[in-house]
Structure formats: C-alpha cells, structure tokens
C-alpha atoms as a PDB file:
ATOM      1  CA  MET A   1      -3.671   8.249  20.446  1.00  0.00           C
ATOM      2  CA  THR A   2      -5.231   5.610  22.130  1.00  0.00           C
ATOM      3  CA  SER A   3      -8.535   5.806  23.770  1.00  0.00           C
ATOM      4  CA  ARG A   4      -7.838   3.480  26.594  1.00  0.00           C
ATOM      5  CA  ARG A   5      -4.926   3.342  29.045  1.00  0.00           C
ATOM      6  CA  ILE A   6      -2.163   1.361  28.047  1.00  0.00           C
ATOM      7  CA  ASP A   7       1.332   0.913  30.253  1.00  0.00           C
ATOM      8  CA  ILE A   8       4.167   0.103  28.158  1.00  0.00           C
ATOM      9  CA  LEU A   9       6.845  -1.229  30.411  1.00  0.00           C
ATOM     10  CA  ALA A  10       9.755  -1.730  28.292  1.00  0.00           C
ATOM     11  CA  ARG A  11      10.225  -1.427  24.654  1.00  0.00           C
ATOM     12  CA  ASP A  12      13.539  -2.903  23.146  1.00  0.00           C
ATOM     13  CA  THR A  13      14.750  -3.297  19.184  1.00  0.00           C
ATOM     14  CA  VAL A  14      15.783  -7.164  19.124  1.00  0.00           C
ATOM     15  CA  PHE A  15      16.239  -6.887  15.240  1.00  0.00           C
ATOM     16  CA  ASP A  16      17.757  -3.611  13.234  1.00  0.00           C
ATOM     17  CA  GLY A  17      18.338  -4.292   9.443  1.00  0.00           C
ATOM     18  CA  TYR A  18      16.478  -3.511   6.560  1.00  0.00           C
ATOM     19  CA  PHE A  19      13.526  -3.451   8.900  1.00  0.00           C
ATOM     20  CA  GLN A  20      13.148  -3.434  12.534  1.00  0.00           C
ATOM     21  CA  VAL A  21      11.261  -5.480  15.595  1.00  0.00           C
ATOM     22  CA  GLU A  22      10.725  -4.321  18.343  1.00  0.00           C
ATOM     23  CA  ARG A  23       9.418  -6.208  21.591  1.00  0.00           C
ATOM     24  CA  TYR A  24       6.919  -4.146  23.818  1.00  0.00           C
ATOM     25  CA  SER A  25       6.433  -5.640  27.853  1.00  0.00           C
ATOM     26  CA  LEU A  26       3.040  -3.642  28.353  1.00  0.00           C
ATOM     27  CA  LYS A  27      -0.381  -3.807  30.287  1.00  0.00           C
ATOM     28  CA  HIS A  28      -4.053  -2.485  28.739  1.00  0.00           C
ATOM     29  CA  GLU A  29      -6.992  -1.812  30.375  1.00  0.00           C
ATOM     30  CA  LEU A  30      -9.685  -4.527  29.684  1.00  0.00           C
ATOM     31  CA  HIS A  31     -13.004  -4.240  28.514  1.00  0.00           C
ATOM     32  CA  ASN A  32     -14.625  -5.769  31.663  1.00  0.00           C
ATOM     33  CA  GLY A  33     -11.999  -3.565  33.517  1.00  0.00           C
ATOM     34  CA  GLY A  34      -9.466  -4.004  35.192  1.00  0.00           C
ATOM     35  CA  THR A  35      -6.110  -4.257  33.180  1.00  0.00           C
ATOM     36  CA  SER A  36      -4.246  -7.132  31.349  1.00  0.00           C
ATOM     37  CA  GLU A  37      -1.486  -9.397  32.675  1.00  0.00           C
ATOM     38  CA  VAL A  38       1.655  -8.207  31.436  1.00  0.00           C
ATOM     39  CA  LEU A  39       2.117  -8.770  27.680  1.00  0.00           C
ATOM     40  CA  SER A  40       5.064  -9.897  25.639  1.00  0.00           C
ATOM     41  CA  ARG A  41       4.607  -8.702  22.189  1.00  0.00           C
ATOM     42  CA  GLU A  42       7.060  -8.161  18.994  1.00  0.00           C
ATOM     43  CA  VAL A  43       5.959  -5.460  16.609  1.00  0.00           C
ATOM     44  CA  PHE A  44       7.465  -5.579  12.606  1.00  0.00           C
ATOM     45  CA  GLU A  45       8.297  -1.943  11.793  1.00  0.00           C
ATOM     46  CA  ARG A  46       7.658  -1.649   7.934  1.00  0.00           C
ATOM     47  CA  GLY A  47       7.908   1.959   7.674  1.00  0.00           C
ATOM     48  CA  HIS A  48       4.340   3.874   6.668  1.00  0.00           C
ATOM     49  CA  VAL A  49       3.541   3.793   2.642  1.00  0.00           C
ATOM     50  CA  ALA A  50       1.865   5.777   0.050  1.00  0.00           C
ATOM     51  CA  ALA A  51       0.708   3.815  -2.341  1.00  0.00           C
ATOM     52  CA  LEU A  52      -1.170   5.041  -6.213  1.00  0.00           C
ATOM     53  CA  LEU A  53      -3.719   3.677  -8.554  1.00  0.00           C
ATOM     54  CA  PRO A  54      -3.081   5.092 -11.940  1.00  0.00           C
ATOM     55  CA  VAL A  55      -6.581   5.830 -13.717  1.00  0.00           C
ATOM     56  CA  ASP A  56      -7.229   7.040 -17.168  1.00  0.00           C
ATOM     57  CA  PRO A  57     -10.814   8.219 -17.136  1.00  0.00           C
ATOM     58  CA  VAL A  58     -10.753   9.078 -20.505  1.00  0.00           C
ATOM     59  CA  THR A  59      -9.762   5.165 -21.689  1.00  0.00           C
ATOM     60  CA  ASP A  60     -11.387   3.880 -18.826  1.00  0.00           C
ATOM     61  CA  LYS A  61      -7.974   1.688 -18.324  1.00  0.00           C
ATOM     62  CA  VAL A  62      -5.938   1.491 -15.175  1.00  0.00           C
ATOM     63  CA  VAL A  63      -1.773   0.983 -15.354  1.00  0.00           C
ATOM     64  CA  LEU A  64      -0.776  -1.569 -12.877  1.00  0.00           C
ATOM     65  CA  ILE A  65       2.885  -2.335 -12.022  1.00  0.00           C
ATOM     66  CA  GLU A  66       4.097  -6.329 -11.737  1.00  0.00           C
ATOM     67  CA  GLN A  67       7.257  -7.119  -9.626  1.00  0.00           C
ATOM     68  CA  PHE A  68       8.627  -9.922  -7.539  1.00  0.00           C
ATOM     69  CA  ARG A  69       8.040  -9.779  -3.773  1.00  0.00           C
ATOM     70  CA  PRO A  70      10.123 -11.993  -0.806  1.00  0.00           C
ATOM     71  CA  GLY A  71       6.659 -11.641   1.293  1.00  0.00           C
ATOM     72  CA  ALA A  72       5.190 -13.864  -0.875  1.00  0.00           C
ATOM     73  CA  LEU A  73       7.355 -16.497  -1.949  1.00  0.00           C
ATOM     74  CA  ALA A  74       7.746 -16.710   1.813  1.00  0.00           C
ATOM     75  CA  ALA A  75       3.929 -17.658   1.916  1.00  0.00           C
ATOM     76  CA  GLY A  76       4.128 -20.037  -1.214  1.00  0.00           C
ATOM     77  CA  TRP A  77       2.851 -18.028  -3.525  1.00  0.00           C
ATOM     78  CA  ASP A  78       3.339 -16.832  -6.636  1.00  0.00           C
ATOM     79  CA  ALA A  79       5.754 -14.353  -5.986  1.00  0.00           C
ATOM     80  CA  TRP A  80       5.367 -11.588  -8.965  1.00  0.00           C
ATOM     81  CA  LEU A  81       2.146  -9.800  -7.948  1.00  0.00           C
ATOM     82  CA  LEU A  82       0.498  -7.425  -9.895  1.00  0.00           C
ATOM     83  CA  GLU A  83       0.077  -4.057  -7.874  1.00  0.00           C
ATOM     84  CA  CYS A  84      -0.584  -0.400  -7.722  1.00  0.00           C
ATOM     85  CA  VAL A  85       2.660   1.677  -7.162  1.00  0.00           C
ATOM     86  CA  ALA A  86       4.307   2.234  -3.530  1.00  0.00           C
ATOM     87  CA  GLY A  87       6.566   3.766  -1.651  1.00  0.00           C
ATOM     88  CA  ILE A  88       8.458   4.420   1.880  1.00  0.00           C
ATOM     89  CA  ILE A  89       7.361   7.756   3.286  1.00  0.00           C
ATOM     90  CA  GLU A  90      10.294   9.253   4.800  1.00  0.00           C
ATOM     91  CA  ASP A  91      10.615  11.655   7.799  1.00  0.00           C
ATOM     92  CA  GLY A  92       9.253  14.973   6.209  1.00  0.00           C
ATOM     93  CA  GLU A  93       7.604  13.589   3.433  1.00  0.00           C
ATOM     94  CA  GLU A  94       3.729  14.147   2.736  1.00  0.00           C
ATOM     95  CA  ALA A  95       2.361  10.814   1.565  1.00  0.00           C
ATOM     96  CA  VAL A  96       0.462  12.547  -1.683  1.00  0.00           C
ATOM     97  CA  ASP A  97       3.851  13.552  -2.925  1.00  0.00           C
ATOM     98  CA  VAL A  98       5.454  10.403  -2.158  1.00  0.00           C
ATOM     99  CA  ALA A  99       2.588   8.956  -4.169  1.00  0.00           C
ATOM    100  CA  VAL A 100       3.382  10.994  -7.552  1.00  0.00           C
ATOM    101  CA  ARG A 101       7.029  10.561  -7.119  1.00  0.00           C
ATOM    102  CA  GLU A 102       6.617   6.196  -6.560  1.00  0.00           C
ATOM    103  CA  CYS A 103       4.103   6.745  -9.242  1.00  0.00           C
ATOM    104  CA  HIS A 104       6.686   8.407 -11.761  1.00  0.00           C
ATOM    105  CA  GLU A 105       9.666   5.897 -10.781  1.00  0.00           C
ATOM    106  CA  GLU A 106       7.695   3.059 -11.212  1.00  0.00           C
ATOM    107  CA  THR A 107       5.720   3.819 -14.399  1.00  0.00           C
ATOM    108  CA  GLY A 108       6.877   6.718 -16.160  1.00  0.00           C
ATOM    109  CA  LEU A 109       3.543   8.522 -15.671  1.00  0.00           C
ATOM    110  CA  HIS A 110       2.796  11.813 -13.996  1.00  0.00           C
ATOM    111  CA  ALA A 111       0.149  11.688 -11.653  1.00  0.00           C
ATOM    112  CA  ARG A 112      -2.697  14.386 -11.425  1.00  0.00           C
ATOM    113  CA  ASP A 113      -5.587  15.531  -9.171  1.00  0.00           C
ATOM    114  CA  CYS A 114      -4.743  12.838  -6.452  1.00  0.00           C
ATOM    115  CA  LYS A 115      -7.924  11.390  -4.188  1.00  0.00           C
ATOM    116  CA  LEU A 116      -7.493   9.985  -1.073  1.00  0.00           C
ATOM    117  CA  ILE A 117      -9.333   6.549  -1.080  1.00  0.00           C
ATOM    118  CA  SER A 118      -8.384   5.369   2.197  1.00  0.00           C
ATOM    119  CA  ARG A 119      -5.604   5.122   5.181  1.00  0.00           C
ATOM    120  CA  TYR A 120      -5.271   1.947   6.609  1.00  0.00           C
ATOM    121  CA  LEU A 121      -3.114  -0.246   8.959  1.00  0.00           C
ATOM    122  CA  THR A 122      -2.188  -3.339   6.948  1.00  0.00           C
ATOM    123  CA  SER A 123      -1.805  -6.056   9.372  1.00  0.00           C
ATOM    124  CA  PRO A 124      -2.327  -4.448  13.236  1.00  0.00           C
ATOM    125  CA  GLY A 125      -1.925  -7.460  15.155  1.00  0.00           C
ATOM    126  CA  ALA A 126       2.174  -7.461  14.300  1.00  0.00           C
ATOM    127  CA  CYS A 127       2.989  -4.543  11.955  1.00  0.00           C
ATOM    128  CA  SER A 128       3.106  -0.751  12.371  1.00  0.00           C
ATOM    129  CA  GLU A 129       2.449  -0.504   9.280  1.00  0.00           C
ATOM    130  CA  THR A 130       0.169   1.974   7.741  1.00  0.00           C
ATOM    131  CA  VAL A 131      -1.079   3.031   4.015  1.00  0.00           C
ATOM    132  CA  HIS A 132      -2.167   6.051   2.943  1.00  0.00           C
ATOM    133  CA  LEU A 133      -3.886   5.173  -0.453  1.00  0.00           C
ATOM    134  CA  TYR A 134      -4.464   7.395  -3.883  1.00  0.00           C
ATOM    135  CA  ALA A 135      -6.051   7.144  -7.032  1.00  0.00           C
ATOM    136  CA  GLY A 136      -4.597   9.632  -9.829  1.00  0.00           C
ATOM    137  CA  LYS A 137      -5.583  10.732 -13.144  1.00  0.00           C
ATOM    138  CA  VAL A 138      -2.905   9.619 -15.924  1.00  0.00           C
ATOM    139  CA  ASP A 139      -2.610   8.882 -19.473  1.00  0.00           C
ATOM    140  CA  ALA A 140      -2.593   5.101 -19.860  1.00  0.00           C
ATOM    141  CA  SER A 141      -1.969   5.299 -23.856  1.00  0.00           C
ATOM    142  CA  ILE A 142       1.908   6.154 -23.201  1.00  0.00           C
ATOM    143  CA  ALA A 143       2.001   3.154 -20.054  1.00  0.00           C
ATOM    144  CA  GLY A 144       4.357   0.353 -21.139  1.00  0.00           C
ATOM    145  CA  GLY A 145       7.983  -0.721 -20.266  1.00  0.00           C
ATOM    146  CA  VAL A 146      10.339  -1.891 -16.951  1.00  0.00           C
ATOM    147  CA  PHE A 147      10.976   0.900 -14.370  1.00  0.00           C
ATOM    148  CA  GLY A 148      12.555   1.384 -11.312  1.00  0.00           C
ATOM    149  CA  LEU A 149      15.665   2.262  -9.487  1.00  0.00           C
ATOM    150  CA  ALA A 150      18.605   0.020 -10.335  1.00  0.00           C
ATOM    151  CA  ASP A 151      20.686   0.757  -6.851  1.00  0.00           C
ATOM    152  CA  GLU A 152      17.197  -0.364  -4.928  1.00  0.00           C
ATOM    153  CA  GLY A 153      17.030  -3.548  -6.982  1.00  0.00           C
ATOM    154  CA  GLU A 154      14.202  -3.153  -8.293  1.00  0.00           C
ATOM    155  CA  ASP A 155      12.740  -4.865 -11.816  1.00  0.00           C
ATOM    156  CA  ILE A 156       9.041  -3.123 -12.512  1.00  0.00           C
ATOM    157  CA  LYS A 157       6.806  -4.214 -15.323  1.00  0.00           C
ATOM    158  CA  VAL A 158       4.252  -1.657 -16.110  1.00  0.00           C
ATOM    159  CA  VAL A 159       0.902  -3.185 -17.867  1.00  0.00           C
ATOM    160  CA  SER A 160      -2.248  -0.894 -18.509  1.00  0.00           C
ATOM    161  CA  VAL A 161      -5.770  -3.006 -18.292  1.00  0.00           C
ATOM    162  CA  SER A 162      -8.997  -1.901 -19.009  1.00  0.00           C
ATOM    163  CA  VAL A 163     -11.203  -1.343 -15.583  1.00  0.00           C
ATOM    164  CA  ASP A 164     -13.376  -4.217 -16.360  1.00  0.00           C
ATOM    165  CA  ASP A 165     -10.129  -6.615 -17.220  1.00  0.00           C
ATOM    166  CA  ALA A 166      -8.748  -5.171 -13.466  1.00  0.00           C
ATOM    167  CA  LEU A 167     -12.050  -5.879 -11.505  1.00  0.00           C
ATOM    168  CA  HIS A 168     -11.640  -9.580 -13.363  1.00  0.00           C
ATOM    169  CA  LEU A 169      -8.169  -9.925 -12.201  1.00  0.00           C
ATOM    170  CA  VAL A 170      -9.801  -9.426  -8.611  1.00  0.00           C
ATOM    171  CA  GLU A 171     -12.581 -11.133  -8.812  1.00  0.00           C
ATOM    172  CA  SER A 172     -10.428 -14.120  -9.887  1.00  0.00           C
ATOM    173  CA  GLY A 173      -7.934 -13.981  -7.038  1.00  0.00           C
ATOM    174  CA  CYS A 174      -5.284 -12.854  -9.542  1.00  0.00           C
ATOM    175  CA  ILE A 175      -4.570  -9.544  -7.646  1.00  0.00           C
ATOM    176  CA  VAL A 176      -3.923 -10.511  -4.225  1.00  0.00           C
ATOM    177  CA  ASN A 177      -2.292  -7.740  -2.343  1.00  0.00           C
ATOM    178  CA  SER A 178      -4.515  -5.438  -0.182  1.00  0.00           C
ATOM    179  CA  LYS A 179      -4.012  -1.992  -1.455  1.00  0.00           C
ATOM    180  CA  THR A 180      -4.623  -2.906  -5.055  1.00  0.00           C
ATOM    181  CA  ILE A 181      -7.997  -4.992  -3.798  1.00  0.00           C
ATOM    182  CA  ILE A 182      -8.960  -1.830  -2.071  1.00  0.00           C
ATOM    183  CA  ALA A 183      -8.218   0.217  -4.837  1.00  0.00           C
ATOM    184  CA  LEU A 184     -10.199  -1.401  -7.504  1.00  0.00           C
ATOM    185  CA  GLN A 185     -13.270  -2.052  -5.264  1.00  0.00           C
ATOM    186  CA  TRP A 186     -12.782   2.297  -4.582  1.00  0.00           C
ATOM    187  CA  LEU A 187     -12.885   2.412  -8.210  1.00  0.00           C
ATOM    188  CA  ALA A 188     -15.887  -0.073  -8.986  1.00  0.00           C
ATOM    189  CA  LEU A 189     -18.269   2.212  -6.635  1.00  0.00           C
ATOM    190  CA  GLN A 190     -16.759   5.398  -8.171  1.00  0.00           C
ATOM    191  CA  ARG A 191     -16.476   4.113 -11.988  1.00  0.00           C
ATOM    192  CA  PRO A 192     -20.167   6.022 -12.934  1.00  0.00           C
ATOM    193  CA  ASN A 193     -18.585   9.049 -11.853  1.00  0.00           C
ATOM    194  CA  LEU A 194     -14.914   9.484 -12.998  1.00  0.00           C
ATOM    195  CA  GLN A 195     -15.504  11.738 -16.015  1.00  0.00           C
ATOM    196  CA  SER A 196     -16.767  14.306 -13.157  1.00  0.00           C
ATOM    197  CA  PHE A 197     -15.123  13.116 -10.691  1.00  0.00           C
ATOM    198  CA  TRP A 198     -11.519  14.501 -12.341  1.00  0.00           C
ATOM    199  CA  ALA A 199     -13.128  17.306 -14.524  1.00  0.00           C
END
C-alpha cells in the first residue's frame, strides 16, 4: 500500500535465476504536484528475511555466526562476515517461526520468547527485500561448532561472545552488516532491562 499515486505502465522479469530482477516502467506523483516523467527502474527481488540475534541474558552473551558472503567479496570487503542468524521467509510462513528455525539450523540452539526488534527495508532504492528482526533467548553456554545445510552450501561457524565484546566489534567496524548492527544497537539500549525483559 502506498500513500501517493503511482502508475505502473509495465513490469517485466529481466533476470530469473537464484534471485530475480524486475524492470518497472512507471510514473509517480511529485511532491510539488503533477506527475513524473516515465521512469525505468530495475528492482532486485531478493525475497523477505527473518533474522534473529540469540541472546543469553543470564551470562550476558550473544551468539553470532561467521560465513562466506559473495556480496561482500564483490564489494572488495572480507568475504567472511560475523552476523546474527537469518533465513528466507517462504510463502505461508510466519517470520518468527522462520527465525526460530534458522537459529536451530545455523547454531544448534533453541531460541525462546522472541521479541520483535524491527521491520525494515534493506536497500529500497533498488531492492524489495524486507527484514523481520528478532531477539531470542538462548543458552549460550552450549554454543559452538560448525553448522548449516550441506545441500544449500552452508558452512557456518558459531561463536559466543560477551555483549561488551560484540558492541566493541560494532564500534570498531568489524561487524558490517545492517541486521547485526541494528540488533546489537537495540541490545545496547535494552541491556539494563534484559533480566526483567525475559523474566
């Protein structure tokens, strides 16, 4: 749903592979009145994501994963990123259920009492992807090892770090993906209340 008029004149799939690219021909209402010229815009159809930051409020730790990311490689960055867990939401699935499932698949941990942190668009200038971001209570004392689904090419290292260390990784620029930065900044704000938050 949109708050202003948009006329979609054409929509064509210009790439259909692991992901899709759609080309829109459209006009939209202008801020000062009137209508734009016909615009041609490609949109990367990435799918929609459920993500979860596993938090242990008892030990004041978080669980992060490290995995290879081709987008980081293409950008000239280190291709192995520290992240919270995440997965694609398929048709008919609830975001929180996907987040809990992905936490178990990627870390071996069972997340409980999930709290919604935020819903946001990752790059709305060119991508339709949304993220449903949660925090979930886990037992970090048993975290560790390598996980992931072999048939999906996943090779996921699980690490447990103190909240202080995780926040330092954000501050120092070692964590560079938006969902994890947002989740950890939320955690920094909520940290004084975590014990009661999950009581």
